[in-house]
Amino acid sequence: MRIKPHKYGIKIWCLCNAATAYRYNAQVYLSKEGRSSETGQSKRVVLDLVQPLFQSGNITCDNFF
């Protein structure tokens, strides 16, 4: 987009508590490797982020995943 000040940016996946806005875990998106896109990326990201909280109970995601 022409109105953006920079051409590139950093994407960070975050796991946050909705009530307190406390960030539990984060993962930097390192882009795709080579020319092929990753299949099942959303599942891998969610499972990686919730790993510390996996046994704690109920975890809810928005419709992006």
PDB file of N, CA and C in Angstrom:
ATOM      1  N   MET A   1       0.838  -1.181   0.000  1.00  0.00           N
ATOM      2  CA  MET A   1       0.000   0.000   0.000  1.00  0.00           C
ATOM      3  C   MET A   1       0.887   1.251   0.000  1.00  0.00           C
ATOM      4  N   ARG A   2       0.514   2.206  -0.788  1.00  0.00           N
ATOM      5  CA  ARG A   2       1.323   3.411  -0.930  1.00  0.00           C
ATOM      6  C   ARG A   2       1.328   4.286   0.313  1.00  0.00           C
ATOM      7  N   ILE A   3       0.262   4.253   1.098  1.00  0.00           N
ATOM      8  CA  ILE A   3       0.193   5.142   2.258  1.00  0.00           C
ATOM      9  C   ILE A   3       0.938   4.589   3.472  1.00  0.00           C
ATOM     10  N   LYS A   4       1.357   3.325   3.423  1.00  0.00           N
ATOM     11  CA  LYS A   4       2.112   2.758   4.541  1.00  0.00           C
ATOM     12  C   LYS A   4       3.522   3.354   4.563  1.00  0.00           C
ATOM     13  N   PRO A   5       4.041   3.649   5.756  1.00  0.00           N
ATOM     14  CA  PRO A   5       5.371   4.255   5.822  1.00  0.00           C
ATOM     15  C   PRO A   5       6.500   3.282   5.482  1.00  0.00           C
ATOM     16  N   HIS A   6       6.298   1.989   5.720  1.00  0.00           N
ATOM     17  CA  HIS A   6       7.336   1.000   5.457  1.00  0.00           C
ATOM     18  C   HIS A   6       6.767  -0.152   4.645  1.00  0.00           C
ATOM     19  N   LYS A   7       7.619  -0.776   3.881  1.00  0.00           N
ATOM     20  CA  LYS A   7       7.201  -1.863   3.016  1.00  0.00           C
ATOM     21  C   LYS A   7       7.069  -3.184   3.781  1.00  0.00           C
ATOM     22  N   TYR A   8       7.847  -3.356   4.826  1.00  0.00           N
ATOM     23  CA  TYR A   8       7.883  -4.612   5.559  1.00  0.00           C
ATOM     24  C   TYR A   8       7.448  -4.415   7.000  1.00  0.00           C
ATOM     25  N   GLY A   9       7.071  -5.504   7.646  1.00  0.00           N
ATOM     26  CA  GLY A   9       6.665  -5.451   9.040  1.00  0.00           C
ATOM     27  C   GLY A   9       6.982  -6.769   9.720  1.00  0.00           C
ATOM     28  N   ILE A  10       6.663  -6.853  10.999  1.00  0.00           N
ATOM     29  CA  ILE A  10       6.887  -8.057  11.789  1.00  0.00           C
ATOM     30  C   ILE A  10       5.534  -8.558  12.268  1.00  0.00           C
ATOM     31  N   LYS A  11       5.289  -9.852  12.066  1.00  0.00           N
ATOM     32  CA  LYS A  11       4.050 -10.458  12.550  1.00  0.00           C
ATOM     33  C   LYS A  11       4.382 -11.307  13.772  1.00  0.00           C
ATOM     34  N   ILE A  12       3.645 -11.088  14.847  1.00  0.00           N
ATOM     35  CA  ILE A  12       3.858 -11.835  16.090  1.00  0.00           C
ATOM     36  C   ILE A  12       2.531 -12.450  16.504  1.00  0.00           C
ATOM     37  N   TRP A  13       2.535 -13.774  16.656  1.00  0.00           N
ATOM     38  CA  TRP A  13       1.363 -14.480  17.166  1.00  0.00           C
ATOM     39  C   TRP A  13       1.417 -14.405  18.690  1.00  0.00           C
ATOM     40  N   CYS A  14       0.334 -14.001  19.350  1.00  0.00           N
ATOM     41  CA  CYS A  14       0.317 -13.861  20.807  1.00  0.00           C
ATOM     42  C   CYS A  14      -0.854 -14.629  21.407  1.00  0.00           C
ATOM     43  N   LEU A  15      -0.616 -15.196  22.563  1.00  0.00           N
ATOM     44  CA  LEU A  15      -1.669 -15.825  23.362  1.00  0.00           C
ATOM     45  C   LEU A  15      -1.887 -14.931  24.570  1.00  0.00           C
ATOM     46  N   CYS A  16      -3.086 -14.335  24.668  1.00  0.00           N
ATOM     47  CA  CYS A  16      -3.381 -13.369  25.721  1.00  0.00           C
ATOM     48  C   CYS A  16      -4.631 -13.767  26.487  1.00  0.00           C
ATOM     49  N   ASN A  17      -4.687 -13.341  27.734  1.00  0.00           N
ATOM     50  CA  ASN A  17      -5.875 -13.511  28.554  1.00  0.00           C
ATOM     51  C   ASN A  17      -6.835 -12.377  28.207  1.00  0.00           C
ATOM     52  N   ALA A  18      -8.051 -12.700  27.825  1.00  0.00           N
ATOM     53  CA  ALA A  18      -9.011 -11.688  27.394  1.00  0.00           C
ATOM     54  C   ALA A  18      -9.455 -10.774  28.540  1.00  0.00           C
ATOM     55  N   ALA A  19      -9.518 -11.297  29.752  1.00  0.00           N
ATOM     56  CA  ALA A  19      -9.991 -10.496  30.879  1.00  0.00           C
ATOM     57  C   ALA A  19      -8.932  -9.521  31.385  1.00  0.00           C
ATOM     58  N   THR A  20      -7.686  -9.945  31.441  1.00  0.00           N
ATOM     59  CA  THR A  20      -6.633  -9.113  32.026  1.00  0.00           C
ATOM     60  C   THR A  20      -5.667  -8.537  31.000  1.00  0.00           C
ATOM     61  N   ALA A  21      -5.743  -8.963  29.747  1.00  0.00           N
ATOM     62  CA  ALA A  21      -4.830  -8.560  28.666  1.00  0.00           C
ATOM     63  C   ALA A  21      -3.393  -8.970  28.963  1.00  0.00           C
ATOM     64  N   TYR A  22      -3.209  -9.990  29.785  1.00  0.00           N
ATOM     65  CA  TYR A  22      -1.880 -10.501  30.101  1.00  0.00           C
ATOM     66  C   TYR A  22      -1.422 -11.432  28.984  1.00  0.00           C
ATOM     67  N   ARG A  23      -0.212 -11.227  28.476  1.00  0.00           N
ATOM     68  CA  ARG A  23       0.327 -12.079  27.424  1.00  0.00           C
ATOM     69  C   ARG A  23       1.011 -13.287  28.045  1.00  0.00           C
ATOM     70  N   TYR A  24       0.529 -14.485  27.682  1.00  0.00           N
ATOM     71  CA  TYR A  24       1.108 -15.721  28.189  1.00  0.00           C
ATOM     72  C   TYR A  24       2.276 -16.210  27.345  1.00  0.00           C
ATOM     73  N   ASN A  25       2.132 -16.122  26.037  1.00  0.00           N
ATOM     74  CA  ASN A  25       3.117 -16.700  25.141  1.00  0.00           C
ATOM     75  C   ASN A  25       3.093 -15.926  23.826  1.00  0.00           C
ATOM     76  N   ALA A  26       4.213 -15.950  23.105  1.00  0.00           N
ATOM     77  CA  ALA A  26       4.288 -15.272  21.809  1.00  0.00           C
ATOM     78  C   ALA A  26       5.221 -16.050  20.884  1.00  0.00           C
ATOM     79  N   GLN A  27       4.998 -15.877  19.589  1.00  0.00           N
ATOM     80  CA  GLN A  27       5.821 -16.547  18.591  1.00  0.00           C
ATOM     81  C   GLN A  27       5.957 -15.601  17.398  1.00  0.00           C
ATOM     82  N   VAL A  28       7.180 -15.382  16.944  1.00  0.00           N
ATOM     83  CA  VAL A  28       7.434 -14.511  15.803  1.00  0.00           C
ATOM     84  C   VAL A  28       7.245 -15.313  14.525  1.00  0.00           C
ATOM     85  N   TYR A  29       6.507 -14.742  13.582  1.00  0.00           N
ATOM     86  CA  TYR A  29       6.291 -15.382  12.288  1.00  0.00           C
ATOM     87  C   TYR A  29       7.538 -15.177  11.443  1.00  0.00           C
ATOM     88  N   LEU A  30       8.162 -16.255  11.005  1.00  0.00           N
ATOM     89  CA  LEU A  30       9.423 -16.179  10.276  1.00  0.00           C
ATOM     90  C   LEU A  30       9.259 -16.349   8.773  1.00  0.00           C
ATOM     91  N   SER A  31       8.066 -16.255   8.267  1.00  0.00           N
ATOM     92  CA  SER A  31       7.695 -16.387   6.859  1.00  0.00           C
ATOM     93  C   SER A  31       7.862 -17.817   6.374  1.00  0.00           C
ATOM     94  N   LYS A  32       7.466 -18.037   5.150  1.00  0.00           N
ATOM     95  CA  LYS A  32       7.555 -19.381   4.610  1.00  0.00           C
ATOM     96  C   LYS A  32       8.983 -19.695   4.207  1.00  0.00           C
ATOM     97  N   GLU A  33       9.301 -20.974   4.238  1.00  0.00           N
ATOM     98  CA  GLU A  33      10.634 -21.404   3.861  1.00  0.00           C
ATOM     99  C   GLU A  33      10.600 -21.867   2.416  1.00  0.00           C
ATOM    100  N   GLY A  34      11.447 -21.303   1.587  1.00  0.00           N
ATOM    101  CA  GLY A  34      11.459 -21.655   0.178  1.00  0.00           C
ATOM    102  C   GLY A  34      10.253 -21.073  -0.538  1.00  0.00           C
ATOM    103  N   ARG A  35       9.772 -21.800  -1.527  1.00  0.00           N
ATOM    104  CA  ARG A  35       8.634 -21.325  -2.312  1.00  0.00           C
ATOM    105  C   ARG A  35       7.319 -21.963  -1.900  1.00  0.00           C
ATOM    106  N   SER A  36       7.363 -23.017  -1.109  1.00  0.00           N
ATOM    107  CA  SER A  36       6.127 -23.708  -0.734  1.00  0.00           C
ATOM    108  C   SER A  36       5.543 -23.100   0.539  1.00  0.00           C
ATOM    109  N   SER A  37       4.223 -23.026   0.590  1.00  0.00           N
ATOM    110  CA  SER A  37       3.563 -22.512   1.781  1.00  0.00           C
ATOM    111  C   SER A  37       3.332 -23.652   2.770  1.00  0.00           C
ATOM    112  N   GLU A  38       3.270 -23.308   4.036  1.00  0.00           N
ATOM    113  CA  GLU A  38       3.084 -24.300   5.093  1.00  0.00           C
ATOM    114  C   GLU A  38       1.614 -24.703   5.166  1.00  0.00           C
ATOM    115  N   THR A  39       1.348 -26.000   5.204  1.00  0.00           N
ATOM    116  CA  THR A  39      -0.025 -26.474   5.385  1.00  0.00           C
ATOM    117  C   THR A  39      -0.241 -26.750   6.862  1.00  0.00           C
ATOM    118  N   GLY A  40      -1.403 -26.395   7.367  1.00  0.00           N
ATOM    119  CA  GLY A  40      -1.714 -26.602   8.777  1.00  0.00           C
ATOM    120  C   GLY A  40      -1.029 -25.608   9.694  1.00  0.00           C
ATOM    121  N   GLN A  41      -0.731 -24.431   9.178  1.00  0.00           N
ATOM    122  CA  GLN A  41      -0.022 -23.436   9.978  1.00  0.00           C
ATOM    123  C   GLN A  41      -0.834 -22.985  11.189  1.00  0.00           C
ATOM    124  N   SER A  42      -2.120 -22.744  11.007  1.00  0.00           N
ATOM    125  CA  SER A  42      -2.941 -22.259  12.119  1.00  0.00           C
ATOM    126  C   SER A  42      -2.986 -23.277  13.255  1.00  0.00           C
ATOM    127  N   LYS A  43      -3.108 -24.549  12.928  1.00  0.00           N
ATOM    128  CA  LYS A  43      -3.122 -25.587  13.954  1.00  0.00           C
ATOM    129  C   LYS A  43      -1.785 -25.640  14.691  1.00  0.00           C
ATOM    130  N   ARG A  44      -0.690 -25.569  13.950  1.00  0.00           N
ATOM    131  CA  ARG A  44       0.630 -25.621  14.568  1.00  0.00           C
ATOM    132  C   ARG A  44       0.859 -24.421  15.488  1.00  0.00           C
ATOM    133  N   VAL A  45       0.450 -23.224  15.041  1.00  0.00           N
ATOM    134  CA  VAL A  45       0.636 -22.015  15.847  1.00  0.00           C
ATOM    135  C   VAL A  45      -0.155 -22.106  17.141  1.00  0.00           C
ATOM    136  N   VAL A  46      -1.414 -22.512  17.057  1.00  0.00           N
ATOM    137  CA  VAL A  46      -2.249 -22.614  18.255  1.00  0.00           C
ATOM    138  C   VAL A  46      -1.684 -23.638  19.220  1.00  0.00           C
ATOM    139  N   LEU A  47      -1.309 -24.807  18.738  1.00  0.00           N
ATOM    140  CA  LEU A  47      -0.772 -25.843  19.616  1.00  0.00           C
ATOM    141  C   LEU A  47       0.553 -25.424  20.247  1.00  0.00           C
ATOM    142  N   ASP A  48       1.389 -24.705  19.512  1.00  0.00           N
ATOM    143  CA  ASP A  48       2.646 -24.205  20.079  1.00  0.00           C
ATOM    144  C   ASP A  48       2.387 -23.165  21.174  1.00  0.00           C
ATOM    145  N   LEU A  49       1.443 -22.263  20.938  1.00  0.00           N
ATOM    146  CA  LEU A  49       1.183 -21.197  21.897  1.00  0.00           C
ATOM    147  C   LEU A  49       0.522 -21.691  23.176  1.00  0.00           C
ATOM    148  N   VAL A  50      -0.369 -22.671  23.075  1.00  0.00           N
ATOM    149  CA  VAL A  50      -1.094 -23.132  24.265  1.00  0.00           C
ATOM    150  C   VAL A  50      -0.362 -24.243  25.018  1.00  0.00           C
ATOM    151  N   GLN A  51       0.807 -24.630  24.559  1.00  0.00           N
ATOM    152  CA  GLN A  51       1.544 -25.718  25.206  1.00  0.00           C
ATOM    153  C   GLN A  51       1.721 -25.510  26.710  1.00  0.00           C
ATOM    154  N   PRO A  52       2.106 -24.313  27.202  1.00  0.00           N
ATOM    155  CA  PRO A  52       2.243 -24.137  28.658  1.00  0.00           C
ATOM    156  C   PRO A  52       0.916 -24.228  29.416  1.00  0.00           C
ATOM    157  N   LEU A  53      -0.209 -23.954  28.753  1.00  0.00           N
ATOM    158  CA  LEU A  53      -1.523 -23.945  29.408  1.00  0.00           C
ATOM    159  C   LEU A  53      -2.378 -25.149  29.031  1.00  0.00           C
ATOM    160  N   PHE A  54      -1.792 -26.124  28.350  1.00  0.00           N
ATOM    161  CA  PHE A  54      -2.568 -27.218  27.770  1.00  0.00           C
ATOM    162  C   PHE A  54      -3.373 -27.995  28.807  1.00  0.00           C
ATOM    163  N   GLN A  55      -2.849 -28.233  29.980  1.00  0.00           N
ATOM    164  CA  GLN A  55      -3.543 -29.014  31.010  1.00  0.00           C
ATOM    165  C   GLN A  55      -4.403 -28.152  31.933  1.00  0.00           C
ATOM    166  N   SER A  56      -4.470 -26.839  31.708  1.00  0.00           N
ATOM    167  CA  SER A  56      -5.171 -25.956  32.642  1.00  0.00           C
ATOM    168  C   SER A  56      -6.677 -25.917  32.457  1.00  0.00           C
ATOM    169  N   GLY A  57      -7.196 -26.368  31.322  1.00  0.00           N
ATOM    170  CA  GLY A  57      -8.647 -26.368  31.178  1.00  0.00           C
ATOM    171  C   GLY A  57      -9.110 -25.889  29.826  1.00  0.00           C
ATOM    172  N   ASN A  58     -10.099 -24.991  29.805  1.00  0.00           N
ATOM    173  CA  ASN A  58     -10.775 -24.542  28.603  1.00  0.00           C
ATOM    174  C   ASN A  58      -9.987 -23.431  27.900  1.00  0.00           C
ATOM    175  N   ILE A  59      -9.726 -23.599  26.602  1.00  0.00           N
ATOM    176  CA  ILE A  59      -9.039 -22.598  25.794  1.00  0.00           C
ATOM    177  C   ILE A  59      -9.916 -22.284  24.585  1.00  0.00           C
ATOM    178  N   THR A  60     -10.144 -20.986  24.313  1.00  0.00           N
ATOM    179  CA  THR A  60     -11.009 -20.570  23.219  1.00  0.00           C
ATOM    180  C   THR A  60     -10.228 -19.704  22.239  1.00  0.00           C
ATOM    181  N   CYS A  61     -10.438 -19.918  20.938  1.00  0.00           N
ATOM    182  CA  CYS A  61      -9.793 -19.125  19.884  1.00  0.00           C
ATOM    183  C   CYS A  61     -10.866 -18.370  19.103  1.00  0.00           C
ATOM    184  N   ASP A  62     -10.445 -17.279  18.461  1.00  0.00           N
ATOM    185  CA  ASP A  62     -11.393 -16.550  17.616  1.00  0.00           C
ATOM    186  C   ASP A  62     -11.491 -17.232  16.254  1.00  0.00           C
ATOM    187  N   ASN A  63     -12.265 -16.667  15.359  1.00  0.00           N
ATOM    188  CA  ASN A  63     -12.530 -17.316  14.076  1.00  0.00           C
ATOM    189  C   ASN A  63     -11.364 -17.247  13.093  1.00  0.00           C
ATOM    190  N   PHE A  64     -10.282 -16.537  13.416  1.00  0.00           N
ATOM    191  CA  PHE A  64      -9.124 -16.511  12.543  1.00  0.00           C
ATOM    192  C   PHE A  64      -8.486 -17.893  12.423  1.00  0.00           C
ATOM    193  N   PHE A  65      -8.554 -18.674  13.495  1.00  0.00           N
ATOM    194  CA  PHE A  65      -7.953 -19.990  13.498  1.00  0.00           C
ATOM    195  C   PHE A  65      -8.997 -21.034  13.202  1.00  0.00           C
TER     196      PHE A  65
END
